[in-house]
Structures are given as structure tokens and as C-alpha cells.
């Protein structure tokens, strides 16, 4: 993480965008933190858009409330519903000689 005054960022913005790919840049104004420049990828952008979408947040909260009221399903039931069979565990190599 690097801390940089706003004037430096304004004068060398492209440089700090490149640097933000490797580490976060804290931008200060009058010595106080004001913003963070954080490099992102296309996948990061997609995640960010979902995570900040009020409809997505409301849906997650509704599902959490439903879970609190009704509980959840055991993983084995979910596996059956999805047609996923549990693979048998391989014997441990410990204890064998």
C-alpha cells in the first residue's frame, strides 16, 4: 500500500493507475485520506457491480431471512437434487507401510 498526496496523483495519474495493479494507492488531501485507487480486472468489475447492486443486496438479505425462519437443507439432499453423487474417499496413506 502506498500513500500519495492528491497533487502527485493529478500530475501522474497514469503512473498510479499502473501501480494500482500491484498495490492499493491511498490518496490524501491536506494530509488526510480521501480515496483509494484499487486496480481491478474484468472479473473484479463484474463482482463489484453485483455486490453493490441494491436488488442483489436485497435478494441476499431476503434469502438470509428465509434461512433464519425455515432453516436449510442438508448437503446430501442438495447433492441428490442436483444429481451429484458423493465420491468415495480414498484410503489414507497414513498408517500404511
C-alpha atoms as a PDB file:
ATOM      1  CA  UNK A   1       0.000   0.000   0.000  1.00  0.00           C
ATOM      2  CA  UNK A   2       1.254   3.429  -0.901  1.00  0.00           C
ATOM      3  CA  UNK A   3       0.087   6.802   0.428  1.00  0.00           C
ATOM      4  CA  UNK A   4       0.240   9.650  -2.091  1.00  0.00           C
ATOM      5  CA  UNK A   5      -0.875  13.301  -1.986  1.00  0.00           C
ATOM      6  CA  UNK A   6      -3.628  14.318  -4.393  1.00  0.00           C
ATOM      7  CA  UNK A   7      -1.340  16.714  -6.289  1.00  0.00           C
ATOM      8  CA  UNK A   8       1.044  13.864  -7.143  1.00  0.00           C
ATOM      9  CA  UNK A   9      -1.850  11.710  -8.304  1.00  0.00           C
ATOM     10  CA  UNK A  10      -3.208  14.514 -10.506  1.00  0.00           C
ATOM     11  CA  UNK A  11       0.197  15.058 -12.103  1.00  0.00           C
ATOM     12  CA  UNK A  12       0.993  11.354 -12.641  1.00  0.00           C
ATOM     13  CA  UNK A  13      -2.400   9.647 -12.798  1.00  0.00           C
ATOM     14  CA  UNK A  14      -1.437   7.075 -15.448  1.00  0.00           C
ATOM     15  CA  UNK A  15       1.594   6.086 -13.391  1.00  0.00           C
ATOM     16  CA  UNK A  16      -0.542   5.490 -10.298  1.00  0.00           C
ATOM     17  CA  UNK A  17      -3.122   3.535 -12.282  1.00  0.00           C
ATOM     18  CA  UNK A  18      -0.351   1.173 -13.358  1.00  0.00           C
ATOM     19  CA  UNK A  19       0.946   0.949  -9.809  1.00  0.00           C
ATOM     20  CA  UNK A  20      -2.574   0.198  -8.534  1.00  0.00           C
ATOM     21  CA  UNK A  21      -2.416  -3.094 -10.438  1.00  0.00           C
ATOM     22  CA  UNK A  22       0.190  -4.205  -7.880  1.00  0.00           C
ATOM     23  CA  UNK A  23      -0.839  -2.346  -4.717  1.00  0.00           C
ATOM     24  CA  UNK A  24      -3.560  -0.063  -3.422  1.00  0.00           C
ATOM     25  CA  UNK A  25      -2.882   3.662  -3.556  1.00  0.00           C
ATOM     26  CA  UNK A  26      -4.278   5.800  -0.732  1.00  0.00           C
ATOM     27  CA  UNK A  27      -4.877   9.346  -1.966  1.00  0.00           C
ATOM     28  CA  UNK A  28      -4.626  12.098   0.627  1.00  0.00           C
ATOM     29  CA  UNK A  29      -5.871  15.670   0.558  1.00  0.00           C
ATOM     30  CA  UNK A  30      -4.384  18.067   3.079  1.00  0.00           C
ATOM     31  CA  UNK A  31      -2.737  15.099   4.761  1.00  0.00           C
ATOM     32  CA  UNK A  32      -5.979  13.186   5.286  1.00  0.00           C
ATOM     33  CA  UNK A  33      -7.019  10.013   3.437  1.00  0.00           C
ATOM     34  CA  UNK A  34      -9.716  10.754   0.847  1.00  0.00           C
ATOM     35  CA  UNK A  35      -9.800   7.834  -1.590  1.00  0.00           C
ATOM     36  CA  UNK A  36      -8.261   4.546  -2.634  1.00  0.00           C
ATOM     37  CA  UNK A  37      -7.148   3.660  -6.135  1.00  0.00           C
ATOM     38  CA  UNK A  38      -7.548  -0.088  -6.440  1.00  0.00           C
ATOM     39  CA  UNK A  39      -6.711  -1.900  -9.670  1.00  0.00           C
ATOM     40  CA  UNK A  40      -9.406  -4.247 -10.952  1.00  0.00           C
ATOM     41  CA  UNK A  41      -9.883  -6.845 -13.675  1.00  0.00           C
ATOM     42  CA  UNK A  42     -12.997  -7.525 -15.752  1.00  0.00           C
ATOM     43  CA  UNK A  43     -13.986 -10.229 -13.255  1.00  0.00           C
ATOM     44  CA  UNK A  44     -13.471  -7.834 -10.340  1.00  0.00           C
ATOM     45  CA  UNK A  45     -15.718  -5.297 -12.063  1.00  0.00           C
ATOM     46  CA  UNK A  46     -18.479  -7.868 -12.533  1.00  0.00           C
ATOM     47  CA  UNK A  47     -18.249  -8.865  -8.856  1.00  0.00           C
ATOM     48  CA  UNK A  48     -18.271  -5.220  -7.776  1.00  0.00           C
ATOM     49  CA  UNK A  49     -21.345  -4.429  -9.867  1.00  0.00           C
ATOM     50  CA  UNK A  50     -23.222  -7.386  -8.356  1.00  0.00           C
ATOM     51  CA  UNK A  51     -22.112  -6.679  -4.796  1.00  0.00           C
ATOM     52  CA  UNK A  52     -23.202  -3.051  -4.942  1.00  0.00           C
ATOM     53  CA  UNK A  53     -26.482  -3.563  -6.831  1.00  0.00           C
ATOM     54  CA  UNK A  54     -29.332  -2.765  -4.398  1.00  0.00           C
ATOM     55  CA  UNK A  55     -31.506  -5.511  -5.959  1.00  0.00           C
ATOM     56  CA  UNK A  56     -28.779  -8.122  -5.403  1.00  0.00           C
ATOM     57  CA  UNK A  57     -28.227  -6.965  -1.818  1.00  0.00           C
ATOM     58  CA  UNK A  58     -31.978  -7.102  -1.124  1.00  0.00           C
ATOM     59  CA  UNK A  59     -32.187 -10.627  -2.592  1.00  0.00           C
ATOM     60  CA  UNK A  60     -29.310 -11.853  -0.422  1.00  0.00           C
ATOM     61  CA  UNK A  61     -30.901 -10.323   2.683  1.00  0.00           C
ATOM     62  CA  UNK A  62     -34.269 -11.923   1.835  1.00  0.00           C
ATOM     63  CA  UNK A  63     -32.593 -15.317   1.449  1.00  0.00           C
ATOM     64  CA  UNK A  64     -30.787 -14.893   4.771  1.00  0.00           C
ATOM     65  CA  UNK A  65     -34.080 -14.089   6.492  1.00  0.00           C
ATOM     66  CA  UNK A  66     -35.726 -17.107   4.857  1.00  0.00           C
ATOM     67  CA  UNK A  67     -32.876 -19.287   6.074  1.00  0.00           C
ATOM     68  CA  UNK A  68     -33.280 -17.943   9.619  1.00  0.00           C
ATOM     69  CA  UNK A  69     -37.022 -18.750   9.536  1.00  0.00           C
ATOM     70  CA  UNK A  70     -37.015 -22.065   7.706  1.00  0.00           C
ATOM     71  CA  UNK A  71     -33.500 -23.425   8.047  1.00  0.00           C
ATOM     72  CA  UNK A  72     -31.540 -25.010   5.261  1.00  0.00           C
ATOM     73  CA  UNK A  73     -31.165 -28.352   3.521  1.00  0.00           C
ATOM     74  CA  UNK A  74     -28.547 -30.924   4.368  1.00  0.00           C
ATOM     75  CA  UNK A  75     -25.790 -31.127   1.754  1.00  0.00           C
ATOM     76  CA  UNK A  76     -26.716 -34.719   0.917  1.00  0.00           C
ATOM     77  CA  UNK A  77     -30.232 -33.594  -0.060  1.00  0.00           C
ATOM     78  CA  UNK A  78     -28.810 -30.883  -2.295  1.00  0.00           C
ATOM     79  CA  UNK A  79     -26.480 -33.442  -3.904  1.00  0.00           C
ATOM     80  CA  UNK A  80     -29.444 -35.760  -4.626  1.00  0.00           C
ATOM     81  CA  UNK A  81     -31.486 -32.895  -6.118  1.00  0.00           C
ATOM     82  CA  UNK A  82     -28.602 -31.916  -8.384  1.00  0.00           C
ATOM     83  CA  UNK A  83     -27.768 -35.495  -9.294  1.00  0.00           C
ATOM     84  CA  UNK A  84     -24.312 -35.257  -7.769  1.00  0.00           C
ATOM     85  CA  UNK A  85     -23.066 -38.436  -6.236  1.00  0.00           C
ATOM     86  CA  UNK A  86     -20.574 -38.276  -3.437  1.00  0.00           C
ATOM     87  CA  UNK A  87     -17.254 -39.774  -4.435  1.00  0.00           C
ATOM     88  CA  UNK A  88     -15.927 -42.385  -2.032  1.00  0.00           C
ATOM     89  CA  UNK A  89     -12.976 -41.230  -0.006  1.00  0.00           C
ATOM     90  CA  UNK A  90      -9.628 -42.689  -0.956  1.00  0.00           C
ATOM     91  CA  UNK A  91      -7.955 -44.642   1.831  1.00  0.00           C
ATOM     92  CA  UNK A  92      -5.401 -42.620   3.702  1.00  0.00           C
ATOM     93  CA  UNK A  93      -1.766 -43.407   3.050  1.00  0.00           C
ATOM     94  CA  UNK A  94      -1.067 -42.802   6.713  1.00  0.00           C
ATOM     95  CA  UNK A  95      -0.589 -45.950   8.665  1.00  0.00           C
ATOM     96  CA  UNK A  96       0.310 -47.970   5.562  1.00  0.00           C
ATOM     97  CA  UNK A  97       3.834 -49.218   5.212  1.00  0.00           C
END
